[in-house]
PDB file of N, CA and C in Angstrom:
ATOM      1  N   MET A   1      66.350 -98.843-110.179  1.00  0.00           N
ATOM      2  CA  MET A   1      65.190 -98.732-109.488  1.00  0.00           C
ATOM      3  C   MET A   1      65.352 -99.219-108.065  1.00  0.00           C
ATOM      4  N   PHE A   2      64.708 -98.454-107.034  1.00  0.00           N
ATOM      5  CA  PHE A   2      65.056 -98.830-105.775  1.00  0.00           C
ATOM      6  C   PHE A   2      63.708 -99.671-105.078  1.00  0.00           C
ATOM      7  N   CYS A   3      64.112-100.300-103.856  1.00  0.00           N
ATOM      8  CA  CYS A   3      63.059-100.884-103.178  1.00  0.00           C
ATOM      9  C   CYS A   3      61.926 -99.847-102.776  1.00  0.00           C
ATOM     10  N   ASN A   4      60.491-100.227-102.855  1.00  0.00           N
ATOM     11  CA  ASN A   4      59.531 -99.392-102.467  1.00  0.00           C
ATOM     12  C   ASN A   4      59.276 -99.210-101.134  1.00  0.00           C
ATOM     13  N   TYR A   5      59.837-100.086-100.257  1.00  0.00           N
ATOM     14  CA  TYR A   5      59.758 -99.899 -98.834  1.00  0.00           C
ATOM     15  C   TYR A   5      60.304 -98.602 -98.364  1.00  0.00           C
ATOM     16  N   ARG A   6      59.613 -97.903 -97.855  1.00  0.00           N
ATOM     17  CA  ARG A   6      59.940 -96.359 -97.542  1.00  0.00           C
ATOM     18  C   ARG A   6      61.285 -96.186 -96.605  1.00  0.00           C
ATOM     19  N   ASN A   7      61.652 -97.327 -95.743  1.00  0.00           N
ATOM     20  CA  ASN A   7      62.609 -97.310 -94.924  1.00  0.00           C
ATOM     21  C   ASN A   7      63.959 -98.068 -95.577  1.00  0.00           C
ATOM     22  N   CYS A   8      63.826 -98.623 -96.904  1.00  0.00           N
ATOM     23  CA  CYS A   8      64.940 -99.497 -97.293  1.00  0.00           C
ATOM     24  C   CYS A   8      65.488 -98.483 -98.581  1.00  0.00           C
ATOM     25  N   SER A   9      66.779 -98.731 -98.882  1.00  0.00           N
ATOM     26  CA  SER A   9      67.519 -98.131 -99.996  1.00  0.00           C
ATOM     27  C   SER A   9      68.233 -98.917-100.833  1.00  0.00           C
ATOM     28  N   TYR A  10      67.772-100.316-100.768  1.00  0.00           N
ATOM     29  CA  TYR A  10      68.437-101.266-101.623  1.00  0.00           C
ATOM     30  C   TYR A  10      68.062-100.853-103.022  1.00  0.00           C
ATOM     31  N   GLU A  11      69.030-101.027-104.038  1.00  0.00           N
ATOM     32  CA  GLU A  11      68.862-100.905-105.256  1.00  0.00           C
ATOM     33  C   GLU A  11      68.494-102.251-106.005  1.00  0.00           C
ATOM     34  N   LEU A  12      67.416-102.169-106.697  1.00  0.00           N
ATOM     35  CA  LEU A  12      67.124-103.474-107.584  1.00  0.00           C
ATOM     36  C   LEU A  12      67.513-103.319-108.908  1.00  0.00           C
ATOM     37  N   HIS A  13      68.531-104.301-109.288  1.00  0.00           N
ATOM     38  CA  HIS A  13      69.145-104.323-110.691  1.00  0.00           C
ATOM     39  C   HIS A  13      68.170-104.774-111.740  1.00  0.00           C
ATOM     40  N   ASP A  14      68.732-104.466-112.930  1.00  0.00           N
ATOM     41  CA  ASP A  14      67.615-104.877-114.048  1.00  0.00           C
ATOM     42  C   ASP A  14      67.817-106.159-114.457  1.00  0.00           C
ATOM     43  N   TYR A  15      69.074-106.981-114.102  1.00  0.00           N
ATOM     44  CA  TYR A  15      69.146-108.278-114.600  1.00  0.00           C
ATOM     45  C   TYR A  15      68.301-109.211-113.494  1.00  0.00           C
ATOM     46  N   GLU A  16      67.784-108.587-112.459  1.00  0.00           N
ATOM     47  CA  GLU A  16      66.831-109.205-111.757  1.00  0.00           C
ATOM     48  C   GLU A  16      65.476-109.275-112.426  1.00  0.00           C
ATOM     49  N   ASN A  17      64.268-109.924-111.682  1.00  0.00           N
ATOM     50  CA  ASN A  17      62.960-109.763-112.166  1.00  0.00           C
ATOM     51  C   ASN A  17      62.668-108.344-112.301  1.00  0.00           C
ATOM     52  N   GLY A  18      62.191-108.060-113.523  1.00  0.00           N
ATOM     53  CA  GLY A  18      61.904-106.576-113.878  1.00  0.00           C
ATOM     54  C   GLY A  18      60.596-106.252-113.082  1.00  0.00           C
ATOM     55  N   ASN A  19      59.867-107.199-112.698  1.00  0.00           N
ATOM     56  CA  ASN A  19      58.459-106.607-111.929  1.00  0.00           C
ATOM     57  C   ASN A  19      58.540-106.582-110.646  1.00  0.00           C
ATOM     58  N   ARG A  20      59.653-106.938-110.029  1.00  0.00           N
ATOM     59  CA  ARG A  20      59.961-106.770-108.624  1.00  0.00           C
ATOM     60  C   ARG A  20      59.865-105.168-108.072  1.00  0.00           C
ATOM     61  N   HIS A  21      59.245-104.942-107.076  1.00  0.00           N
ATOM     62  CA  HIS A  21      59.118-103.654-106.347  1.00  0.00           C
ATOM     63  C   HIS A  21      59.634-103.764-105.103  1.00  0.00           C
ATOM     64  N   TYR A  22      59.992-104.767-104.199  1.00  0.00           N
ATOM     65  CA  TYR A  22      60.748-104.824-103.119  1.00  0.00           C
ATOM     66  C   TYR A  22      61.783-105.850-103.102  1.00  0.00           C
ATOM     67  N   CYS A  23      62.764-105.453-102.213  1.00  0.00           N
ATOM     68  CA  CYS A  23      63.911-106.420-102.233  1.00  0.00           C
ATOM     69  C   CYS A  23      63.598-107.712-101.809  1.00  0.00           C
ATOM     70  N   ASP A  24      62.793-107.861-100.718  1.00  0.00           N
ATOM     71  CA  ASP A  24      62.591-109.189-100.283  1.00  0.00           C
ATOM     72  C   ASP A  24      61.040-109.239 -99.634  1.00  0.00           C
ATOM     73  N   ASP A  25      60.697-110.437 -99.102  1.00  0.00           N
ATOM     74  CA  ASP A  25      59.416-110.388 -98.589  1.00  0.00           C
ATOM     75  C   ASP A  25      59.302-109.524 -97.200  1.00  0.00           C
ATOM     76  N   GLU A  26      60.350-109.492 -96.409  1.00  0.00           N
ATOM     77  CA  GLU A  26      60.427-108.614 -95.385  1.00  0.00           C
ATOM     78  C   GLU A  26      60.089-107.212 -95.606  1.00  0.00           C
ATOM     79  N   CYS A  27      60.580-106.723 -96.529  1.00  0.00           N
ATOM     80  CA  CYS A  27      60.387-105.251 -97.020  1.00  0.00           C
ATOM     81  C   CYS A  27      58.891-105.221 -97.617  1.00  0.00           C
ATOM     82  N   TYR A  28      58.362-106.053 -98.245  1.00  0.00           N
ATOM     83  CA  TYR A  28      56.978-105.974 -98.747  1.00  0.00           C
ATOM     84  C   TYR A  28      55.950-106.043 -97.503  1.00  0.00           C
ATOM     85  N   ASN A  29      56.198-107.065 -96.491  1.00  0.00           N
ATOM     86  CA  ASN A  29      55.119-107.166 -95.461  1.00  0.00           C
ATOM     87  C   ASN A  29      55.438-105.734 -94.541  1.00  0.00           C
ATOM     88  N   ALA A  30      56.624-105.386 -94.417  1.00  0.00           N
ATOM     89  CA  ALA A  30      56.917-104.055 -93.604  1.00  0.00           C
ATOM     90  C   ALA A  30      56.108-102.835 -94.288  1.00  0.00           C
ATOM     91  N   GLU A  31      56.324-102.937 -95.655  1.00  0.00           N
ATOM     92  CA  GLU A  31      55.650-101.720 -96.182  1.00  0.00           C
ATOM     93  C   GLU A  31      53.980-101.892 -96.227  1.00  0.00           C
ATOM     94  N   LYS A  32      53.537-102.983 -96.382  1.00  0.00           N
ATOM     95  CA  LYS A  32      52.015-103.371 -96.269  1.00  0.00           C
ATOM     96  C   LYS A  32      51.607-103.079 -94.868  1.00  0.00           C
ATOM     97  N   LEU A  33      52.237-103.450 -93.784  1.00  0.00           N
ATOM     98  CA  LEU A  33      51.844-102.901 -92.405  1.00  0.00           C
ATOM     99  C   LEU A  33      51.719-101.430 -92.371  1.00  0.00           C
ATOM    100  N   ALA A  34      53.110-100.865 -92.858  1.00  0.00           N
ATOM    101  CA  ALA A  34      52.766 -99.230 -92.867  1.00  0.00           C
ATOM    102  C   ALA A  34      51.776 -98.497 -93.391  1.00  0.00           C
ATOM    103  N   ARG A  35      51.376 -99.176 -94.732  1.00  0.00           N
ATOM    104  CA  ARG A  35      50.217 -98.629 -95.418  1.00  0.00           C
ATOM    105  C   ARG A  35      48.867 -98.975 -94.697  1.00  0.00           C
ATOM    106  N   SER A  36      48.782-100.051 -93.996  1.00  0.00           N
ATOM    107  CA  SER A  36      47.581-100.448 -93.275  1.00  0.00           C
ATOM    108  C   SER A  36      47.539 -99.395 -92.009  1.00  0.00           C
ATOM    109  N   LYS A  37      48.679 -99.196 -91.358  1.00  0.00           N
ATOM    110  CA  LYS A  37      48.527 -98.037 -90.276  1.00  0.00           C
ATOM    111  C   LYS A  37      48.078 -96.857 -90.772  1.00  0.00           C
ATOM    112  N   ASP A  38      48.729 -96.303 -91.839  1.00  0.00           N
ATOM    113  CA  ASP A  38      48.376 -95.122 -92.307  1.00  0.00           C
ATOM    114  C   ASP A  38      46.818 -94.849 -92.633  1.00  0.00           C
ATOM    115  N   ASN A  39      46.353 -96.052 -93.282  1.00  0.00           N
ATOM    116  CA  ASN A  39      45.064 -95.993 -93.578  1.00  0.00           C
ATOM    117  C   ASN A  39      44.021 -96.066 -92.425  1.00  0.00           C
ATOM    118  N   TYR A  40      44.328 -96.732 -91.352  1.00  0.00           N
ATOM    119  CA  TYR A  40      43.631 -96.654 -90.184  1.00  0.00           C
ATOM    120  C   TYR A  40      43.734 -95.498 -89.575  1.00  0.00           C
ATOM    121  N   ILE A  41      44.827 -94.718 -89.444  1.00  0.00           N
ATOM    122  CA  ILE A  41      44.927 -93.251 -88.881  1.00  0.00           C
ATOM    123  C   ILE A  41      44.031 -92.433 -89.709  1.00  0.00           C
ATOM    124  N   ARG A  42      43.856 -92.448 -90.966  1.00  0.00           N
ATOM    125  CA  ARG A  42      43.218 -91.528 -91.854  1.00  0.00           C
ATOM    126  C   ARG A  42      41.679 -91.934 -91.415  1.00  0.00           C
ATOM    127  N   LYS A  43      41.231 -93.161 -91.424  1.00  0.00           N
ATOM    128  CA  LYS A  43      39.893 -93.524 -91.244  1.00  0.00           C
ATOM    129  C   LYS A  43      39.549 -93.078 -89.810  1.00  0.00           C
ATOM    130  N   LYS A  44      40.261 -93.217 -88.834  1.00  0.00           N
ATOM    131  CA  LYS A  44      39.989 -92.774 -87.547  1.00  0.00           C
ATOM    132  C   LYS A  44      39.806 -91.161 -87.327  1.00  0.00           C
ATOM    133  N   LYS A  45      40.471 -90.576 -88.054  1.00  0.00           N
ATOM    134  CA  LYS A  45      40.492 -88.915 -88.023  1.00  0.00           C
ATOM    135  C   LYS A  45      39.076 -88.805 -88.813  1.00  0.00           C
ATOM    136  N   HIS A  46      38.781 -89.309 -89.858  1.00  0.00           N
ATOM    137  CA  HIS A  46      37.689 -88.807 -90.660  1.00  0.00           C
ATOM    138  C   HIS A  46      36.325 -89.290 -89.767  1.00  0.00           C
ATOM    139  N   LEU A  47      36.304 -90.594 -89.120  1.00  0.00           N
ATOM    140  CA  LEU A  47      35.230 -90.838 -88.150  1.00  0.00           C
ATOM    141  C   LEU A  47      35.075 -90.100 -87.036  1.00  0.00           C
ATOM    142  N   ALA A  48      36.244 -89.556 -86.339  1.00  0.00           N
ATOM    143  CA  ALA A  48      36.241 -88.631 -85.147  1.00  0.00           C
ATOM    144  C   ALA A  48      35.663 -87.194 -85.584  1.00  0.00           C
ATOM    145  N   GLU A  49      35.864 -86.667 -86.820  1.00  0.00           N
ATOM    146  CA  GLU A  49      35.291 -85.554 -87.324  1.00  0.00           C
ATOM    147  C   GLU A  49      33.560 -85.795 -87.430  1.00  0.00           C
ATOM    148  N   ILE A  50      33.204 -86.912 -88.177  1.00  0.00           N
ATOM    149  CA  ILE A  50      31.812 -87.057 -88.259  1.00  0.00           C
ATOM    150  C   ILE A  50      31.274 -87.209 -86.793  1.00  0.00           C
ATOM    151  N   ASP A  51      31.732 -87.848 -85.959  1.00  0.00           N
ATOM    152  CA  ASP A  51      31.256 -87.791 -84.651  1.00  0.00           C
ATOM    153  C   ASP A  51      31.222 -86.393 -83.879  1.00  0.00           C
ATOM    154  N   ARG A  52      32.172 -85.667 -84.121  1.00  0.00           N
ATOM    155  CA  ARG A  52      32.092 -84.078 -83.662  1.00  0.00           C
ATOM    156  C   ARG A  52      30.999 -83.415 -84.469  1.00  0.00           C
ATOM    157  N   ILE A  53      30.945 -83.584 -85.654  1.00  0.00           N
ATOM    158  CA  ILE A  53      29.630 -83.050 -86.302  1.00  0.00           C
ATOM    159  C   ILE A  53      28.237 -83.398 -85.852  1.00  0.00           C
ATOM    160  N   GLU A  54      28.247 -84.735 -85.582  1.00  0.00           N
ATOM    161  CA  GLU A  54      26.782 -85.413 -85.172  1.00  0.00           C
ATOM    162  C   GLU A  54      26.751 -84.648 -83.677  1.00  0.00           C
ATOM    163  N   ALA A  55      27.668 -84.616 -82.886  1.00  0.00           N
ATOM    164  CA  ALA A  55      27.329 -83.984 -81.459  1.00  0.00           C
ATOM    165  C   ALA A  55      26.925 -82.536 -81.751  1.00  0.00           C
ATOM    166  N   LEU A  56      27.613 -81.873 -82.606  1.00  0.00           N
ATOM    167  CA  LEU A  56      27.137 -80.391 -82.818  1.00  0.00           C
ATOM    168  C   LEU A  56      25.515 -80.398 -83.447  1.00  0.00           C
ATOM    169  N   LEU A  57      25.201 -81.156 -84.144  1.00  0.00           N
ATOM    170  CA  LEU A  57      23.932 -81.270 -84.640  1.00  0.00           C
ATOM    171  C   LEU A  57      22.938 -81.581 -83.452  1.00  0.00           C
ATOM    172  N   ARG A  58      23.438 -82.526 -82.557  1.00  0.00           N
ATOM    173  CA  ARG A  58      22.608 -83.066 -81.587  1.00  0.00           C
ATOM    174  C   ARG A  58      22.185 -82.070 -80.676  1.00  0.00           C
ATOM    175  N   VAL A  59      23.332 -81.201 -80.159  1.00  0.00           N
ATOM    176  CA  VAL A  59      23.328 -79.978 -79.271  1.00  0.00           C
ATOM    177  C   VAL A  59      22.357 -79.017 -80.009  1.00  0.00           C
ATOM    178  N   CYS A  60      22.501 -78.683 -81.226  1.00  0.00           N
ATOM    179  CA  CYS A  60      21.570 -77.749 -81.581  1.00  0.00           C
ATOM    180  C   CYS A  60      20.037 -78.244 -81.691  1.00  0.00           C
ATOM    181  N   HIS A  61      20.017 -79.383 -82.022  1.00  0.00           N
ATOM    182  CA  HIS A  61      18.701 -79.996 -82.106  1.00  0.00           C
ATOM    183  C   HIS A  61      17.947 -80.038 -80.837  1.00  0.00           C
ATOM    184  N   ASN A  62      18.764 -80.495 -79.842  1.00  0.00           N
ATOM    185  CA  ASN A  62      18.190 -80.505 -78.343  1.00  0.00           C
ATOM    186  C   ASN A  62      17.806 -79.124 -78.006  1.00  0.00           C
ATOM    187  N   LYS A  63      18.514 -77.873 -78.359  1.00  0.00           N
ATOM    188  CA  LYS A  63      18.329 -76.771 -77.964  1.00  0.00           C
ATOM    189  C   LYS A  63      17.009 -76.067 -78.711  1.00  0.00           C
ATOM    190  N   TYR A  64      17.087 -76.263 -80.118  1.00  0.00           N
ATOM    191  CA  TYR A  64      16.025 -75.548 -80.981  1.00  0.00           C
ATOM    192  C   TYR A  64      15.070 -76.314 -81.410  1.00  0.00           C
ATOM    193  N   GLY A  65      15.082 -77.789 -81.495  1.00  0.00           N
ATOM    194  CA  GLY A  65      14.239 -78.567 -82.005  1.00  0.00           C
ATOM    195  C   GLY A  65      14.407 -78.771 -83.774  1.00  0.00           C
ATOM    196  N   ASP A  66      12.998 -78.866 -84.196  1.00  0.00           N
ATOM    197  CA  ASP A  66      12.912 -78.902 -85.719  1.00  0.00           C
ATOM    198  C   ASP A  66      12.855 -77.580 -86.391  1.00  0.00           C
ATOM    199  N   SER A  67      12.715 -76.570 -85.531  1.00  0.00           N
ATOM    200  CA  SER A  67      12.576 -75.175 -86.069  1.00  0.00           C
ATOM    201  C   SER A  67      13.542 -74.675 -86.845  1.00  0.00           C
ATOM    202  N   LEU A  68      13.589 -73.604 -87.804  1.00  0.00           N
ATOM    203  CA  LEU A  68      14.642 -73.000 -88.307  1.00  0.00           C
ATOM    204  C   LEU A  68      15.458 -72.326 -87.392  1.00  0.00           C
ATOM    205  N   THR A  69      16.656 -72.465 -87.560  1.00  0.00           N
ATOM    206  CA  THR A  69      17.883 -71.785 -86.555  1.00  0.00           C
ATOM    207  C   THR A  69      18.723 -71.045 -87.351  1.00  0.00           C
ATOM    208  N   ASP A  70      19.470 -69.973 -86.810  1.00  0.00           N
ATOM    209  CA  ASP A  70      20.456 -68.970 -87.289  1.00  0.00           C
ATOM    210  C   ASP A  70      21.639 -69.942 -87.623  1.00  0.00           C
ATOM    211  N   ILE A  71      22.189 -70.030 -88.835  1.00  0.00           N
ATOM    212  CA  ILE A  71      23.322 -70.774 -89.291  1.00  0.00           C
ATOM    213  C   ILE A  71      24.495 -70.422 -88.534  1.00  0.00           C
ATOM    214  N   ASN A  72      24.746 -69.206 -87.921  1.00  0.00           N
ATOM    215  CA  ASN A  72      25.920 -68.815 -87.379  1.00  0.00           C
ATOM    216  C   ASN A  72      26.106 -69.497 -85.957  1.00  0.00           C
ATOM    217  N   VAL A  73      25.204 -70.250 -85.616  1.00  0.00           N
ATOM    218  CA  VAL A  73      25.532 -70.987 -84.422  1.00  0.00           C
ATOM    219  C   VAL A  73      26.418 -72.090 -84.671  1.00  0.00           C
ATOM    220  N   LEU A  74      26.214 -72.739 -85.829  1.00  0.00           N
ATOM    221  CA  LEU A  74      27.078 -73.959 -86.052  1.00  0.00           C
ATOM    222  C   LEU A  74      28.558 -73.453 -86.774  1.00  0.00           C
ATOM    223  N   ARG A  75      28.277 -72.046 -87.456  1.00  0.00           N
ATOM    224  CA  ARG A  75      29.726 -71.636 -87.915  1.00  0.00           C
ATOM    225  C   ARG A  75      30.494 -71.238 -86.727  1.00  0.00           C
ATOM    226  N   ALA A  76      30.139 -70.806 -85.521  1.00  0.00           N
ATOM    227  CA  ALA A  76      30.883 -70.441 -84.460  1.00  0.00           C
ATOM    228  C   ALA A  76      31.579 -71.614 -84.015  1.00  0.00           C
ATOM    229  N   GLU A  77      30.873 -72.753 -84.002  1.00  0.00           N
ATOM    230  CA  GLU A  77      31.385 -74.089 -83.439  1.00  0.00           C
ATOM    231  C   GLU A  77      32.506 -74.740 -84.555  1.00  0.00           C
ATOM    232  N   LYS A  78      32.628 -74.053 -85.654  1.00  0.00           N
ATOM    233  CA  LYS A  78      33.418 -74.594 -86.877  1.00  0.00           C
ATOM    234  C   LYS A  78      32.836 -75.805 -87.339  1.00  0.00           C
ATOM    235  N   MET A  79      31.623 -75.842 -87.874  1.00  0.00           N
ATOM    236  CA  MET A  79      31.030 -76.756 -88.565  1.00  0.00           C
ATOM    237  C   MET A  79      31.784 -77.093 -89.817  1.00  0.00           C
ATOM    238  N   ASN A  80      32.053 -78.460 -90.010  1.00  0.00           N
ATOM    239  CA  ASN A  80      32.627 -78.748 -91.097  1.00  0.00           C
ATOM    240  C   ASN A  80      31.708 -79.180 -92.069  1.00  0.00           C
ATOM    241  N   TRP A  81      31.235 -78.476 -93.105  1.00  0.00           N
ATOM    242  CA  TRP A  81      30.372 -78.651 -94.202  1.00  0.00           C
ATOM    243  C   TRP A  81      30.554 -79.903 -95.128  1.00  0.00           C
ATOM    244  N   SER A  82      31.931 -80.292 -95.175  1.00  0.00           N
ATOM    245  CA  SER A  82      32.138 -81.076 -96.304  1.00  0.00           C
ATOM    246  C   SER A  82      31.928 -82.539 -95.706  1.00  0.00           C
ATOM    247  N   PHE A  83      31.617 -82.838 -94.577  1.00  0.00           N
ATOM    248  CA  PHE A  83      31.595 -84.262 -93.996  1.00  0.00           C
ATOM    249  C   PHE A  83      30.032 -84.605 -93.949  1.00  0.00           C
ATOM    250  N   ASN A  84      29.533 -85.693 -94.531  1.00  0.00           N
ATOM    251  CA  ASN A  84      28.166 -86.116 -94.303  1.00  0.00           C
ATOM    252  C   ASN A  84      28.238 -87.548 -94.665  1.00  0.00           C
ATOM    253  N   THR A  85      27.186 -88.319 -94.043  1.00  0.00           N
ATOM    254  CA  THR A  85      27.275 -89.900 -94.207  1.00  0.00           C
ATOM    255  C   THR A  85      26.276 -90.287 -95.521  1.00  0.00           C
ATOM    256  N   GLY A  86      25.655 -89.109 -96.034  1.00  0.00           N
ATOM    257  CA  GLY A  86      24.701 -89.222 -97.126  1.00  0.00           C
ATOM    258  C   GLY A  86      23.641 -88.238 -97.224  1.00  0.00           C
ATOM    259  N   GLN A  87      22.552 -88.633 -98.029  1.00  0.00           N
ATOM    260  CA  GLN A  87      21.619 -87.566 -98.468  1.00  0.00           C
ATOM    261  C   GLN A  87      20.284 -88.160 -98.255  1.00  0.00           C
ATOM    262  N   THR A  88      19.061 -87.457 -97.900  1.00  0.00           N
ATOM    263  CA  THR A  88      17.769 -87.828 -97.898  1.00  0.00           C
ATOM    264  C   THR A  88      16.797 -86.821 -98.183  1.00  0.00           C
ATOM    265  N   THR A  89      15.776 -87.278 -98.666  1.00  0.00           N
ATOM    266  CA  THR A  89      14.725 -86.173 -98.940  1.00  0.00           C
ATOM    267  C   THR A  89      13.681 -86.246 -98.072  1.00  0.00           C
ATOM    268  N   ILE A  90      13.262 -85.010 -97.341  1.00  0.00           N
ATOM    269  CA  ILE A  90      12.172 -85.163 -96.458  1.00  0.00           C
ATOM    270  C   ILE A  90      11.265 -83.925 -96.851  1.00  0.00           C
ATOM    271  N   ASP A  91      10.055 -83.971 -96.871  1.00  0.00           N
ATOM    272  CA  ASP A  91       8.958 -83.122 -97.576  1.00  0.00           C
ATOM    273  C   ASP A  91       9.580 -82.376 -98.852  1.00  0.00           C
ATOM    274  N   GLY A  92      10.003 -83.339 -99.706  1.00  0.00           N
ATOM    275  CA  GLY A  92      10.303 -82.847-100.958  1.00  0.00           C
ATOM    276  C   GLY A  92      11.694 -81.864-101.131  1.00  0.00           C
ATOM    277  N   LEU A  93      12.404 -81.748 -99.909  1.00  0.00           N
ATOM    278  CA  LEU A  93      13.816 -80.976 -99.698  1.00  0.00           C
ATOM    279  C   LEU A  93      14.832 -82.022 -99.515  1.00  0.00           C
ATOM    280  N   ALA A  94      16.005 -81.595-100.095  1.00  0.00           N
ATOM    281  CA  ALA A  94      17.087 -82.468-100.037  1.00  0.00           C
ATOM    282  C   ALA A  94      17.916 -82.227 -98.582  1.00  0.00           C
ATOM    283  N   PHE A  95      18.241 -83.066 -97.712  1.00  0.00           N
ATOM    284  CA  PHE A  95      18.929 -82.930 -96.517  1.00  0.00           C
ATOM    285  C   PHE A  95      20.158 -83.598 -96.546  1.00  0.00           C
ATOM    286  N   PHE A  96      21.225 -83.231 -95.929  1.00  0.00           N
ATOM    287  CA  PHE A  96      22.411 -83.970 -95.991  1.00  0.00           C
ATOM    288  C   PHE A  96      22.413 -84.714 -94.397  1.00  0.00           C
ATOM    289  N   VAL A  97      22.744 -86.059 -94.345  1.00  0.00           N
ATOM    290  CA  VAL A  97      22.685 -86.680 -93.242  1.00  0.00           C
ATOM    291  C   VAL A  97      24.147 -87.040 -92.695  1.00  0.00           C
ATOM    292  N   VAL A  98      24.181 -86.751 -91.296  1.00  0.00           N
ATOM    293  CA  VAL A  98      25.445 -87.020 -90.585  1.00  0.00           C
ATOM    294  C   VAL A  98      25.011 -87.850 -89.239  1.00  0.00           C
ATOM    295  N   GLY A  99      25.153 -89.160 -89.298  1.00  0.00           N
ATOM    296  CA  GLY A  99      24.754 -90.112 -88.209  1.00  0.00           C
ATOM    297  C   GLY A  99      23.154 -90.170 -88.105  1.00  0.00           C
ATOM    298  N   SER A 100      22.763 -89.623 -87.159  1.00  0.00           N
ATOM    299  CA  SER A 100      21.186 -89.878 -86.950  1.00  0.00           C
ATOM    300  C   SER A 100      20.544 -88.243 -87.112  1.00  0.00           C
ATOM    301  N   TYR A 101      21.370 -87.444 -87.621  1.00  0.00           N
ATOM    302  CA  TYR A 101      20.672 -86.120 -87.899  1.00  0.00           C
ATOM    303  C   TYR A 101      20.731 -85.679 -89.392  1.00  0.00           C
ATOM    304  N   ALA A 102      19.781 -84.994 -89.690  1.00  0.00           N
ATOM    305  CA  ALA A 102      19.804 -84.513 -91.119  1.00  0.00           C
ATOM    306  C   ALA A 102      19.686 -82.915 -91.091  1.00  0.00           C
ATOM    307  N   TYR A 103      20.379 -82.223 -91.995  1.00  0.00           N
ATOM    308  CA  TYR A 103      20.306 -80.738 -91.966  1.00  0.00           C
ATOM    309  C   TYR A 103      20.145 -80.350 -93.351  1.00  0.00           C
ATOM    310  N   ARG A 104      19.520 -79.150 -93.454  1.00  0.00           N
ATOM    311  CA  ARG A 104      19.499 -78.311 -94.759  1.00  0.00           C
ATOM    312  C   ARG A 104      19.725 -76.890 -94.445  1.00  0.00           C
ATOM    313  N   ALA A 105      20.783 -76.391 -95.081  1.00  0.00           N
ATOM    314  CA  ALA A 105      20.949 -74.913 -95.198  1.00  0.00           C
ATOM    315  C   ALA A 105      20.009 -74.132 -96.092  1.00  0.00           C
ATOM    316  N   PHE A 106      19.378 -73.016 -95.687  1.00  0.00           N
ATOM    317  CA  PHE A 106      18.564 -72.127 -96.601  1.00  0.00           C
ATOM    318  C   PHE A 106      19.439 -70.829 -96.830  1.00  0.00           C
ATOM    319  N   ASP A 107      18.944 -70.190 -98.049  1.00  0.00           N
ATOM    320  CA  ASP A 107      19.441 -68.941 -98.545  1.00  0.00           C
ATOM    321  C   ASP A 107      19.488 -67.922 -97.441  1.00  0.00           C
ATOM    322  N   ASN A 108      18.446 -67.931 -96.482  1.00  0.00           N
ATOM    323  CA  ASN A 108      18.374 -66.710 -95.543  1.00  0.00           C
ATOM    324  C   ASN A 108      19.098 -66.778 -94.342  1.00  0.00           C
ATOM    325  N   SER A 109      20.198 -67.725 -94.543  1.00  0.00           N
ATOM    326  CA  SER A 109      21.166 -67.850 -93.316  1.00  0.00           C
ATOM    327  C   SER A 109      20.451 -68.613 -92.301  1.00  0.00           C
ATOM    328  N   THR A 110      19.555 -69.443 -92.439  1.00  0.00           N
ATOM    329  CA  THR A 110      19.101 -70.414 -91.440  1.00  0.00           C
ATOM    330  C   THR A 110      19.217 -71.918 -91.791  1.00  0.00           C
ATOM    331  N   ILE A 111      19.188 -72.726 -91.078  1.00  0.00           N
ATOM    332  CA  ILE A 111      19.403 -74.070 -90.963  1.00  0.00           C
ATOM    333  C   ILE A 111      18.236 -74.884 -90.197  1.00  0.00           C
ATOM    334  N   LYS A 112      17.957 -76.083 -90.730  1.00  0.00           N
ATOM    335  CA  LYS A 112      16.902 -76.746 -90.038  1.00  0.00           C
ATOM    336  C   LYS A 112      17.609 -78.252 -89.943  1.00  0.00           C
ATOM    337  N   ILE A 113      17.482 -78.673 -88.611  1.00  0.00           N
ATOM    338  CA  ILE A 113      18.272 -79.925 -88.233  1.00  0.00           C
ATOM    339  C   ILE A 113      16.867 -80.789 -87.801  1.00  0.00           C
ATOM    340  N   ILE A 114      17.025 -81.965 -88.355  1.00  0.00           N
ATOM    341  CA  ILE A 114      16.096 -82.988 -87.887  1.00  0.00           C
ATOM    342  C   ILE A 114      16.798 -84.375 -87.635  1.00  0.00           C
ATOM    343  N   ASN A 115      16.216 -84.890 -86.322  1.00  0.00           N
ATOM    344  CA  ASN A 115      16.435 -86.167 -85.992  1.00  0.00           C
ATOM    345  C   ASN A 115      15.702 -87.461 -86.717  1.00  0.00           C
ATOM    346  N   ILE A 116      16.348 -87.977 -87.822  1.00  0.00           N
ATOM    347  CA  ILE A 116      15.709 -88.951 -88.663  1.00  0.00           C
ATOM    348  C   ILE A 116      15.555 -90.114 -88.167  1.00  0.00           C
ATOM    349  N   LYS A 117      16.046 -90.591 -86.657  1.00  0.00           N
ATOM    350  CA  LYS A 117      15.996 -91.645 -85.930  1.00  0.00           C
ATOM    351  C   LYS A 117      14.502 -91.814 -85.320  1.00  0.00           C
ATOM    352  N   LYS A 118      13.886 -90.505 -85.201  1.00  0.00           N
ATOM    353  CA  LYS A 118      12.527 -90.287 -84.383  1.00  0.00           C
ATOM    354  C   LYS A 118      11.388 -90.394 -85.484  1.00  0.00           C
ATOM    355  N   GLN A 119      11.771 -90.191 -86.781  1.00  0.00           N
ATOM    356  CA  GLN A 119      10.669 -90.192 -87.679  1.00  0.00           C
ATOM    357  C   GLN A 119      10.246 -91.508 -88.172  1.00  0.00           C
TER     358      GLN A 119
END
């Protein structure tokens, strides 16, 4: 078995402690730091995408208000439908929440965007 640090190729021998995953504390700390950096970059990308989606919803809401809007407006801007920060129920309908805006897509290719901070 080899050291689990991604830049170390030291072989851990069987006669040493069988539960060891790193050759020393330096490799352990370096791998922990590398994992922490990877997690930070992943979270930063996720939050940047949520901010981008919220900005798209804000622009559409400012332009069209609470009325039904053609969904292709958001599709043209490459709206990522898989990101949301929660769900809420407004007037008996389920809406996806992204930041301070909630949206619901309907079957007839329309979408309703609501600013939930003003309600």
